[in-house]
Amino acid sequence: MFKVGNHNMNVWLIVPYEPLPTIDNTGRYLRYGMFSNELANYSHSVILWMSDFDHVRKVNRFGYTKTINIRDNFNVKLISASAYANNISINRIKHNLQLATNFIEEANTQREKPDIIFACLPTLELAENAVLFAKRVGVPIVIDVVDIWPDVYLSAFPKVLQSAGRFILTSEFYRAKRILRNATAITAVSKTYLSWALKHAGRVKKMEDKIFPLGYTICMSVTNEIGAWQEAFKERYKIASDTILVTFIGQFAKSYDLETVIKAASQFTNNHKLKFILAGDGDKVEKLKKMAEGMDNVIFTGWLNHAAMSGLLSMTSIGLASYSDRALQSLPYKPFEYMAYSLPILSSLNGEFKEIIEGEKIGKYYNALDVNSFCNALHWLLENSDLRTEMGSRAKRLFDQKYNSKVIYADMVSYLENFFPH
């Protein structure tokens, strides 16, 4: 491998789904959107391939394959694929297969081939077709491990049926191995995920295999709206200026243990200066709302746009990273969001993030599904306000040093420029 210098690259980024704020009029750019923008900033030409189907809102954006110009050097190609209502369903599998098939058909029509492909895993179907296309046209491909599929499928099986589940998914595990063994290089969002990928690839780490965390960035364009949103929250939800907010922002999905949060909140109903904010939506929303009936210290806000979310986190005291005991996430987006707003984190996430929380002293860990463990950790944070503030300050410093998206994605651009010839 050798440095390509200042020569501009034609880069294809491939991801099954991500928000597109300029098209969806909601959300914010995540990993592939931020990387696309950073590549464009360096005058590299980017095509970001993804499904036309909006994974969060569960609607098709256009209903057909369409190319949209976002800005100079940055185009999005939305690939037609069928809809699904539930993330774990036959229709989801159908969508994944259709997306992969339609991608390869559309890719074959492109007159200009890419200099390099950077493709997300998951999904397996799309990543495999990206590898097949790269090999056919003779260009390098980086497989970027954002989640460990098909291992995540095993969470759908009860623990006693895990072995049977692994047998049923044998072909998918072989598919993951084919993808990773045929990749030119592997990147991942954490050391845990990179180790997993290299094990499936059947090789040791090379110089080109790198870790790039997901990171987060505060959009400066919304900072002038934060005050207005804070006042709106105070008025709508009757939040006093001295109220301590314990906030979760994200999907109400199977991998999150929000039931424990609500059970714990029931033990704090006499503390009128404490409220639990659950901002988001998802498959478990009705169940969670029913659990919280009659509890005025639990507030559901629904999905928030970036400005509203910034307003909420700016008035929050503690961020919740409440994951189930079977969650496979390693270093997800959520902790970095909280760190960016100087929040100490109350987390049940094991593995790397537990090491960070305890090693860097930026929050407290509790055992997933354990209400007493949650309450004990929260009591400590409430009773030690000075130490809680220090934890938040350390979290912000750590974020600025290692997890700010502006640093991460500039490093990713340099990575492609320095390691891959064309």
Protein backbone atom coordinates (compact mmCIF):
# COMPACT_ATOMS: atom_id res chain seq x y z
CA MET A 1 0.00 0.00 0.00
CA PHE A 2 1.19 3.52 -0.63
CA LYS A 3 0.11 7.10 -0.12
CA VAL A 4 -2.09 8.57 -2.85
CA GLY A 5 -1.20 12.14 -1.92
CA ASN A 6 -3.59 14.87 -3.01
CA HIS A 7 -5.17 12.87 -5.82
CA ASN A 8 -8.95 12.98 -5.47
CA MET A 9 -10.70 9.66 -4.99
CA ASN A 10 -14.03 8.36 -6.21
CA VAL A 11 -15.42 6.64 -3.10
CA TRP A 12 -18.50 4.48 -2.68
CA LEU A 13 -19.88 4.20 0.84
CA ILE A 14 -22.47 1.46 1.29
CA VAL A 15 -24.81 1.21 4.29
CA PRO A 16 -28.29 -0.34 4.53
CA TYR A 17 -29.90 2.64 6.25
CA GLU A 18 -29.15 5.92 7.98
CA PRO A 19 -31.01 9.19 8.51
CA LEU A 20 -30.75 11.81 5.76
CA PRO A 21 -31.64 15.12 7.44
CA THR A 22 -31.83 17.13 4.21
CA ILE A 23 -34.29 14.61 2.74
CA ASP A 24 -36.14 13.35 5.82
CA ASN A 25 -36.39 16.78 7.49
CA THR A 26 -35.56 15.07 10.77
CA GLY A 27 -32.71 13.31 12.53
CA ARG A 28 -29.01 13.96 12.08
CA TYR A 29 -26.17 12.47 10.08
CA LEU A 30 -24.68 9.34 11.58
CA ARG A 31 -21.47 7.46 10.71
CA TYR A 32 -21.81 7.22 6.94
CA GLY A 33 -23.39 10.62 6.49
CA MET A 34 -20.65 12.27 8.54
CA PHE A 35 -17.94 10.32 6.70
CA SER A 36 -19.45 11.31 3.34
CA ASN A 37 -19.44 14.98 4.29
CA GLU A 38 -15.85 14.80 5.50
CA LEU A 39 -14.68 13.12 2.29
CA ALA A 40 -16.46 15.83 0.31
CA ASN A 41 -14.72 18.48 2.44
CA TYR A 42 -11.42 17.04 1.17
CA SER A 43 -12.68 17.22 -2.45
CA HIS A 44 -13.16 13.48 -2.83
CA SER A 45 -16.21 12.40 -4.83
CA VAL A 46 -18.67 10.33 -2.78
CA ILE A 47 -21.68 8.19 -3.62
CA LEU A 48 -23.49 7.04 -0.49
CA TRP A 49 -25.58 3.96 -1.30
CA MET A 50 -28.47 3.01 0.99
CA SER A 51 -32.04 1.77 1.03
CA ASP A 52 -34.85 4.08 -0.03
CA PHE A 53 -36.72 2.68 2.99
CA ASP A 54 -36.43 4.76 6.17
CA HIS A 55 -35.60 2.25 8.92
CA VAL A 56 -36.73 4.54 11.77
CA ARG A 57 -39.98 5.96 10.37
CA LYS A 58 -40.80 2.71 8.53
CA VAL A 59 -41.74 4.45 5.27
CA ASN A 60 -40.30 4.52 1.76
CA ARG A 61 -38.85 7.91 0.91
CA PHE A 62 -39.72 7.75 -2.80
CA GLY A 63 -40.69 4.18 -3.64
CA TYR A 64 -38.10 3.81 -6.40
CA THR A 65 -34.34 4.05 -6.95
CA LYS A 66 -33.26 7.68 -7.03
CA THR A 67 -30.01 9.67 -6.97
CA ILE A 68 -29.98 12.90 -4.98
CA ASN A 69 -27.25 15.54 -4.83
CA ILE A 70 -26.64 16.60 -1.23
CA ARG A 71 -23.79 19.04 -1.93
CA ASP A 72 -20.68 19.34 -4.10
CA ASN A 73 -18.92 15.94 -4.31
CA PHE A 74 -21.64 14.18 -2.27
CA ASN A 75 -24.49 12.22 -3.87
CA VAL A 76 -26.86 9.72 -2.28
CA LYS A 77 -28.20 6.79 -4.27
CA LEU A 78 -31.38 5.48 -2.67
CA ILE A 79 -32.05 1.88 -3.71
CA SER A 80 -35.62 0.66 -4.01
CA ALA A 81 -36.53 -2.09 -1.53
CA SER A 82 -39.73 -3.38 0.05
CA ALA A 83 -41.05 -2.12 3.38
CA TYR A 84 -41.26 -3.85 6.76
CA ALA A 85 -43.11 -2.94 9.94
CA ASN A 86 -41.05 -4.92 12.46
CA ASN A 87 -37.27 -5.16 12.69
CA ILE A 88 -37.39 -8.89 13.36
CA SER A 89 -39.71 -10.28 10.68
CA ILE A 90 -39.95 -12.14 7.38
CA ASN A 91 -40.54 -8.81 5.63
CA ARG A 92 -37.25 -7.49 7.04
CA ILE A 93 -35.43 -10.49 5.56
CA LYS A 94 -37.21 -9.90 2.25
CA HIS A 95 -36.15 -6.25 2.33
CA ASN A 96 -32.50 -7.13 2.99
CA LEU A 97 -32.41 -9.60 0.09
CA GLN A 98 -34.13 -7.17 -2.27
CA LEU A 99 -31.83 -4.30 -1.29
CA ALA A 100 -28.74 -6.43 -1.96
CA THR A 101 -30.07 -7.61 -5.34
CA ASN A 102 -31.12 -4.13 -6.46
CA PHE A 103 -27.77 -2.69 -5.35
CA ILE A 104 -25.75 -5.06 -7.53
CA GLU A 105 -28.04 -4.44 -10.50
CA GLU A 106 -27.72 -0.67 -10.14
CA ALA A 107 -23.97 -0.83 -9.47
CA ASN A 108 -23.46 -2.75 -12.71
CA THR A 109 -25.01 0.14 -14.66
CA GLN A 110 -22.55 2.75 -13.36
CA ARG A 111 -20.19 4.00 -16.06
CA GLU A 112 -17.50 5.12 -13.62
CA LYS A 113 -16.21 2.54 -11.19
CA PRO A 114 -15.08 3.60 -7.70
CA ASP A 115 -11.46 3.80 -6.62
CA ILE A 116 -12.41 2.22 -3.32
CA ILE A 117 -15.52 0.86 -1.58
CA PHE A 118 -16.21 1.27 2.13
CA ALA A 119 -19.12 -1.01 3.10
CA CYS A 120 -20.98 -1.52 6.34
CA LEU A 121 -21.56 -4.86 7.99
CA PRO A 122 -24.51 -5.33 8.59
CA THR A 123 -26.37 -6.29 6.57
CA LEU A 124 -24.79 -9.55 5.46
CA GLU A 125 -26.60 -9.65 2.13
CA LEU A 126 -25.62 -6.12 1.10
CA ALA A 127 -22.04 -6.45 2.36
CA GLU A 128 -21.58 -9.71 0.46
CA ASN A 129 -22.80 -8.20 -2.81
CA ALA A 130 -20.52 -5.21 -2.25
CA VAL A 131 -17.56 -7.60 -1.89
CA LEU A 132 -18.58 -9.52 -5.02
CA PHE A 133 -18.85 -6.29 -7.02
CA ALA A 134 -15.48 -5.02 -5.75
CA LYS A 135 -13.76 -8.26 -6.75
CA ARG A 136 -15.41 -8.25 -10.18
CA VAL A 137 -14.27 -4.71 -11.04
CA GLY A 138 -10.91 -5.04 -9.27
CA VAL A 139 -11.14 -2.34 -6.59
CA PRO A 140 -10.22 -2.54 -2.89
CA ILE A 141 -13.02 -2.85 -0.36
CA VAL A 142 -13.01 -2.08 3.35
CA ILE A 143 -15.62 -3.89 5.44
CA ASP A 144 -16.63 -1.69 8.36
CA VAL A 145 -18.04 -3.70 11.28
CA VAL A 146 -20.74 -1.66 12.99
CA ASP A 147 -22.65 -4.63 14.42
CA ILE A 148 -21.77 -8.30 14.75
CA TRP A 149 -24.17 -10.09 12.44
CA PRO A 150 -25.24 -12.90 12.45
CA ASP A 151 -24.44 -13.18 16.18
CA VAL A 152 -27.14 -10.59 16.86
CA TYR A 153 -29.74 -13.01 15.43
CA LEU A 154 -29.03 -15.37 18.31
CA SER A 155 -30.61 -12.88 20.72
CA ALA A 156 -33.97 -13.89 19.24
CA PHE A 157 -33.48 -17.39 20.68
CA PRO A 158 -33.92 -18.24 24.38
CA LYS A 159 -30.63 -19.02 26.10
CA VAL A 160 -31.40 -22.74 26.22
CA LEU A 161 -31.83 -22.74 22.43
CA GLN A 162 -28.66 -20.79 21.56
CA SER A 163 -26.87 -23.88 20.21
CA ALA A 164 -29.86 -24.77 18.07
CA GLY A 165 -30.02 -21.18 16.86
CA ARG A 166 -26.37 -21.23 15.86
CA PHE A 167 -26.99 -24.44 13.89
CA ILE A 168 -29.99 -22.90 12.12
CA LEU A 169 -27.85 -19.88 11.22
CA THR A 170 -24.89 -21.93 9.95
CA SER A 171 -25.19 -20.53 6.42
CA GLU A 172 -25.22 -16.96 7.75
CA PHE A 173 -22.06 -17.54 9.80
CA TYR A 174 -20.39 -18.88 6.66
CA ARG A 175 -21.60 -15.79 4.79
CA ALA A 176 -19.97 -13.53 7.40
CA LYS A 177 -16.71 -15.46 7.03
CA ARG A 178 -16.80 -15.11 3.23
CA ILE A 179 -17.33 -11.36 3.50
CA LEU A 180 -14.53 -10.78 5.99
CA ARG A 181 -12.03 -13.13 4.34
CA ASN A 182 -12.48 -11.39 0.99
CA ALA A 183 -12.21 -7.85 2.36
CA THR A 184 -9.07 -5.88 1.48
CA ALA A 185 -9.11 -4.51 5.03
CA ILE A 186 -11.39 -4.42 8.05
CA THR A 187 -12.38 -1.48 10.23
CA ALA A 188 -14.64 -1.61 13.27
CA VAL A 189 -16.25 0.68 15.82
CA SER A 190 -14.52 -1.03 18.77
CA LYS A 191 -11.67 -3.39 19.58
CA THR A 192 -14.23 -6.06 20.54
CA TYR A 193 -15.81 -5.91 17.10
CA LEU A 194 -12.45 -5.88 15.30
CA SER A 195 -11.35 -8.98 17.23
CA TRP A 196 -14.63 -10.67 16.30
CA ALA A 197 -14.13 -9.78 12.62
CA LEU A 198 -10.53 -11.01 12.50
CA LYS A 199 -11.56 -14.28 14.12
CA HIS A 200 -14.17 -14.81 11.39
CA ALA A 201 -11.67 -13.71 8.73
CA GLY A 202 -9.27 -16.36 10.02
CA ARG A 203 -6.24 -14.08 10.16
CA VAL A 204 -4.21 -11.80 12.39
CA LYS A 205 -4.47 -8.02 12.37
CA LYS A 206 -2.80 -6.16 9.49
CA MET A 207 -1.62 -2.56 9.40
CA GLU A 208 -4.72 -1.64 7.36
CA ASP A 209 -7.16 -2.99 9.97
CA LYS A 210 -8.24 -0.10 12.17
CA ILE A 211 -10.67 0.94 14.91
CA PHE A 212 -12.76 4.06 14.34
CA PRO A 213 -15.40 4.66 17.05
CA LEU A 214 -18.84 5.92 16.06
CA GLY A 215 -18.39 9.24 17.82
CA TYR A 216 -20.77 12.17 17.93
CA THR A 217 -20.88 15.84 17.06
CA ILE A 218 -23.00 18.72 18.34
CA CYS A 219 -24.51 20.52 15.37
CA MET A 220 -23.65 24.19 15.91
CA SER A 221 -26.55 25.31 13.72
CA VAL A 222 -29.03 24.29 16.44
CA THR A 223 -27.30 25.92 19.41
CA ASN A 224 -29.36 29.10 19.08
CA GLU A 225 -32.54 27.00 19.47
CA ILE A 226 -31.50 25.24 22.69
CA GLY A 227 -32.88 27.89 25.05
CA ALA A 228 -36.28 27.91 23.35
CA TRP A 229 -36.52 24.13 23.56
CA GLN A 230 -35.56 24.15 27.24
CA GLU A 231 -38.37 26.59 27.99
CA ALA A 232 -40.77 24.48 25.93
CA PHE A 233 -39.88 21.34 27.89
CA LYS A 234 -40.25 23.14 31.22
CA GLU A 235 -43.66 24.46 30.29
CA ARG A 236 -45.04 21.32 28.65
CA TYR A 237 -43.86 18.82 31.28
CA LYS A 238 -43.99 21.10 34.36
CA ILE A 239 -40.24 20.86 34.98
CA ALA A 240 -38.92 23.22 37.66
CA SER A 241 -35.50 24.82 37.28
CA ASP A 242 -34.07 22.71 40.14
CA THR A 243 -35.42 19.38 38.82
CA ILE A 244 -32.86 16.63 38.25
CA LEU A 245 -33.49 14.95 34.89
CA VAL A 246 -32.36 11.38 34.24
CA THR A 247 -32.65 10.96 30.47
CA PHE A 248 -32.67 8.15 27.94
CA ILE A 249 -32.67 8.99 24.22
CA GLY A 250 -33.06 6.23 21.65
CA GLN A 251 -35.17 3.37 20.37
CA PHE A 252 -37.46 1.43 22.68
CA ALA A 253 -36.20 -1.84 21.26
CA LYS A 254 -35.46 -5.31 22.58
CA SER A 255 -31.80 -4.61 23.31
CA TYR A 256 -32.69 -1.79 25.76
CA ASP A 257 -33.74 -2.49 29.34
CA LEU A 258 -36.16 0.38 29.96
CA GLU A 259 -38.47 -1.80 32.04
CA THR A 260 -35.91 -1.67 34.86
CA VAL A 261 -35.78 2.14 34.58
CA ILE A 262 -39.55 2.42 35.06
CA LYS A 263 -39.57 -0.08 37.94
CA ALA A 264 -36.81 1.93 39.60
CA ALA A 265 -38.66 5.21 38.96
CA SER A 266 -41.60 3.84 40.97
CA GLN A 267 -39.31 3.87 44.02
CA PHE A 268 -38.53 7.58 43.58
CA THR A 269 -42.08 8.93 43.29
CA ASN A 270 -41.69 10.83 46.59
CA ASN A 271 -38.68 12.72 45.23
CA HIS A 272 -40.46 15.58 43.49
CA LYS A 273 -37.19 17.04 42.22
CA LEU A 274 -36.38 13.95 40.13
CA LYS A 275 -37.86 13.02 36.75
CA PHE A 276 -37.07 10.27 34.26
CA ILE A 277 -37.26 11.32 30.60
CA LEU A 278 -37.66 8.62 27.95
CA ALA A 279 -37.20 10.27 24.55
CA GLY A 280 -37.79 8.10 21.50
CA ASP A 281 -40.13 5.40 20.26
CA GLY A 282 -40.10 1.77 19.22
CA ASP A 283 -41.63 -1.67 19.49
CA LYS A 284 -41.95 -1.56 23.30
CA VAL A 285 -43.47 1.92 23.65
CA GLU A 286 -47.02 0.83 24.52
CA LYS A 287 -45.78 -1.72 27.04
CA LEU A 288 -43.56 0.89 28.70
CA LYS A 289 -46.31 3.52 28.82
CA LYS A 290 -48.64 1.01 30.46
CA MET A 291 -45.98 0.22 33.07
CA ALA A 292 -45.62 3.94 33.84
CA GLU A 293 -49.35 4.70 34.13
CA GLY A 294 -50.04 6.96 37.11
CA MET A 295 -46.35 7.86 37.58
CA ASP A 296 -45.86 11.59 37.10
CA ASN A 297 -42.07 11.26 37.38
CA VAL A 298 -41.77 9.36 34.06
CA ILE A 299 -42.14 11.42 30.87
CA PHE A 300 -42.36 10.12 27.30
CA THR A 301 -41.49 12.77 24.70
CA GLY A 302 -41.59 10.74 21.48
CA TRP A 303 -38.91 11.29 18.85
CA LEU A 304 -37.06 14.60 19.06
CA ASN A 305 -35.32 16.52 16.31
CA HIS A 306 -31.67 17.45 16.81
CA ALA A 307 -32.43 20.89 18.24
CA ALA A 308 -34.96 19.51 20.73
CA MET A 309 -32.60 16.71 21.75
CA SER A 310 -29.82 19.24 22.31
CA GLY A 311 -32.15 21.31 24.46
CA LEU A 312 -33.12 18.29 26.54
CA LEU A 313 -29.57 17.02 27.06
CA SER A 314 -28.40 20.53 27.97
CA MET A 315 -30.80 20.51 30.94
CA THR A 316 -30.21 16.84 31.87
CA SER A 317 -28.17 15.77 34.91
CA ILE A 318 -27.61 12.05 34.19
CA GLY A 319 -27.62 10.12 30.90
CA LEU A 320 -29.01 6.58 30.78
CA ALA A 321 -27.32 3.84 28.75
CA SER A 322 -29.81 1.14 29.74
CA TYR A 323 -29.08 -2.04 27.80
CA SER A 324 -30.43 -5.54 28.33
CA ASP A 325 -28.24 -8.30 29.69
CA ARG A 326 -28.17 -9.85 26.19
CA ALA A 327 -27.25 -6.68 24.31
CA LEU A 328 -24.30 -7.16 21.95
CA GLN A 329 -23.46 -3.47 21.49
CA SER A 330 -19.87 -2.59 22.30
CA LEU A 331 -19.34 1.17 21.85
CA PRO A 332 -22.68 2.50 20.52
CA TYR A 333 -23.64 6.11 19.74
CA LYS A 334 -25.57 6.75 22.94
CA PRO A 335 -22.72 7.13 25.47
CA PHE A 336 -20.90 9.55 23.17
CA GLU A 337 -24.00 11.76 22.92
CA TYR A 338 -24.14 12.03 26.69
CA MET A 339 -20.40 12.66 26.96
CA ALA A 340 -20.66 15.51 24.45
CA TYR A 341 -23.09 17.26 26.81
CA SER A 342 -20.89 16.74 29.91
CA LEU A 343 -23.21 14.14 31.44
CA PRO A 344 -22.21 11.41 33.87
CA ILE A 345 -23.60 8.12 32.58
CA LEU A 346 -25.61 5.47 34.40
CA SER A 347 -24.96 2.37 32.30
CA SER A 348 -25.66 -1.36 32.24
CA LEU A 349 -23.52 -1.96 29.15
CA ASN A 350 -20.83 -4.58 29.68
CA GLY A 351 -17.50 -4.99 27.92
CA GLU A 352 -15.48 -2.06 26.62
CA PHE A 353 -17.81 0.69 27.77
CA LYS A 354 -17.93 -0.69 31.31
CA GLU A 355 -14.12 -0.52 31.29
CA ILE A 356 -14.28 3.10 30.11
CA ILE A 357 -16.91 4.11 32.69
CA GLU A 358 -14.97 2.61 35.57
CA GLY A 359 -11.46 3.37 34.31
CA GLU A 360 -12.12 6.98 33.35
CA LYS A 361 -14.58 7.59 36.23
CA ILE A 362 -17.29 9.10 34.02
CA GLY A 363 -20.34 7.41 35.56
CA LYS A 364 -21.70 4.42 37.41
CA TYR A 365 -22.36 0.87 36.24
CA TYR A 366 -25.37 -1.20 37.31
CA ASN A 367 -26.44 -4.75 36.54
CA ALA A 368 -29.01 -5.01 33.75
CA LEU A 369 -32.49 -6.16 34.89
CA ASP A 370 -31.53 -5.49 38.53
CA VAL A 371 -33.74 -2.74 40.00
CA ASN A 372 -31.82 -2.63 43.29
CA SER A 373 -28.51 -2.27 41.47
CA PHE A 374 -29.96 0.60 39.39
CA CYS A 375 -31.40 2.34 42.45
CA ASN A 376 -28.15 2.02 44.42
CA ALA A 377 -26.12 3.52 41.57
CA LEU A 378 -28.62 6.34 41.07
CA HIS A 379 -28.75 7.07 44.82
CA TRP A 380 -24.97 7.45 44.81
CA LEU A 381 -25.09 9.91 41.90
CA LEU A 382 -27.88 11.92 43.54
CA GLU A 383 -26.15 12.10 46.91
CA ASN A 384 -22.73 13.05 45.50
CA SER A 385 -23.54 16.06 43.35
CA ASP A 386 -19.97 17.43 43.30
CA LEU A 387 -18.52 14.08 42.22
CA ARG A 388 -21.33 13.75 39.67
CA THR A 389 -20.34 17.08 38.17
CA GLU A 390 -16.68 16.01 38.07
CA MET A 391 -17.69 12.82 36.25
CA GLY A 392 -19.51 14.90 33.65
CA SER A 393 -16.48 17.14 33.17
CA ARG A 394 -14.20 14.13 32.70
CA ALA A 395 -16.68 12.67 30.22
CA LYS A 396 -16.57 15.86 28.14
CA ARG A 397 -12.76 15.97 28.16
CA LEU A 398 -12.58 12.33 27.07
CA PHE A 399 -15.13 13.01 24.33
CA ASP A 400 -13.12 15.95 22.99
CA GLN A 401 -9.92 13.90 22.97
CA LYS A 402 -11.15 10.60 21.48
CA TYR A 403 -14.80 10.54 20.45
CA ASN A 404 -15.53 13.82 18.68
CA SER A 405 -16.76 12.96 15.19
CA LYS A 406 -14.78 15.81 13.64
CA VAL A 407 -11.58 14.10 14.76
CA ILE A 408 -12.70 10.54 13.96
CA TYR A 409 -13.94 11.15 10.42
CA ALA A 410 -10.98 13.32 9.44
CA ASP A 411 -8.81 10.38 10.55
CA MET A 412 -10.92 8.05 8.39
CA VAL A 413 -10.35 10.26 5.34
CA SER A 414 -6.59 10.15 6.00
CA TYR A 415 -6.84 6.39 6.39
CA LEU A 416 -8.29 5.96 2.89
CA GLU A 417 -5.88 8.48 1.38
CA ASN A 418 -2.81 6.85 2.88
CA PHE A 419 -3.49 3.17 2.53
CA PHE A 420 -5.26 2.55 -0.75
CA PRO A 421 -3.80 3.18 -4.20
CA HIS A 422 -5.87 3.83 -7.30
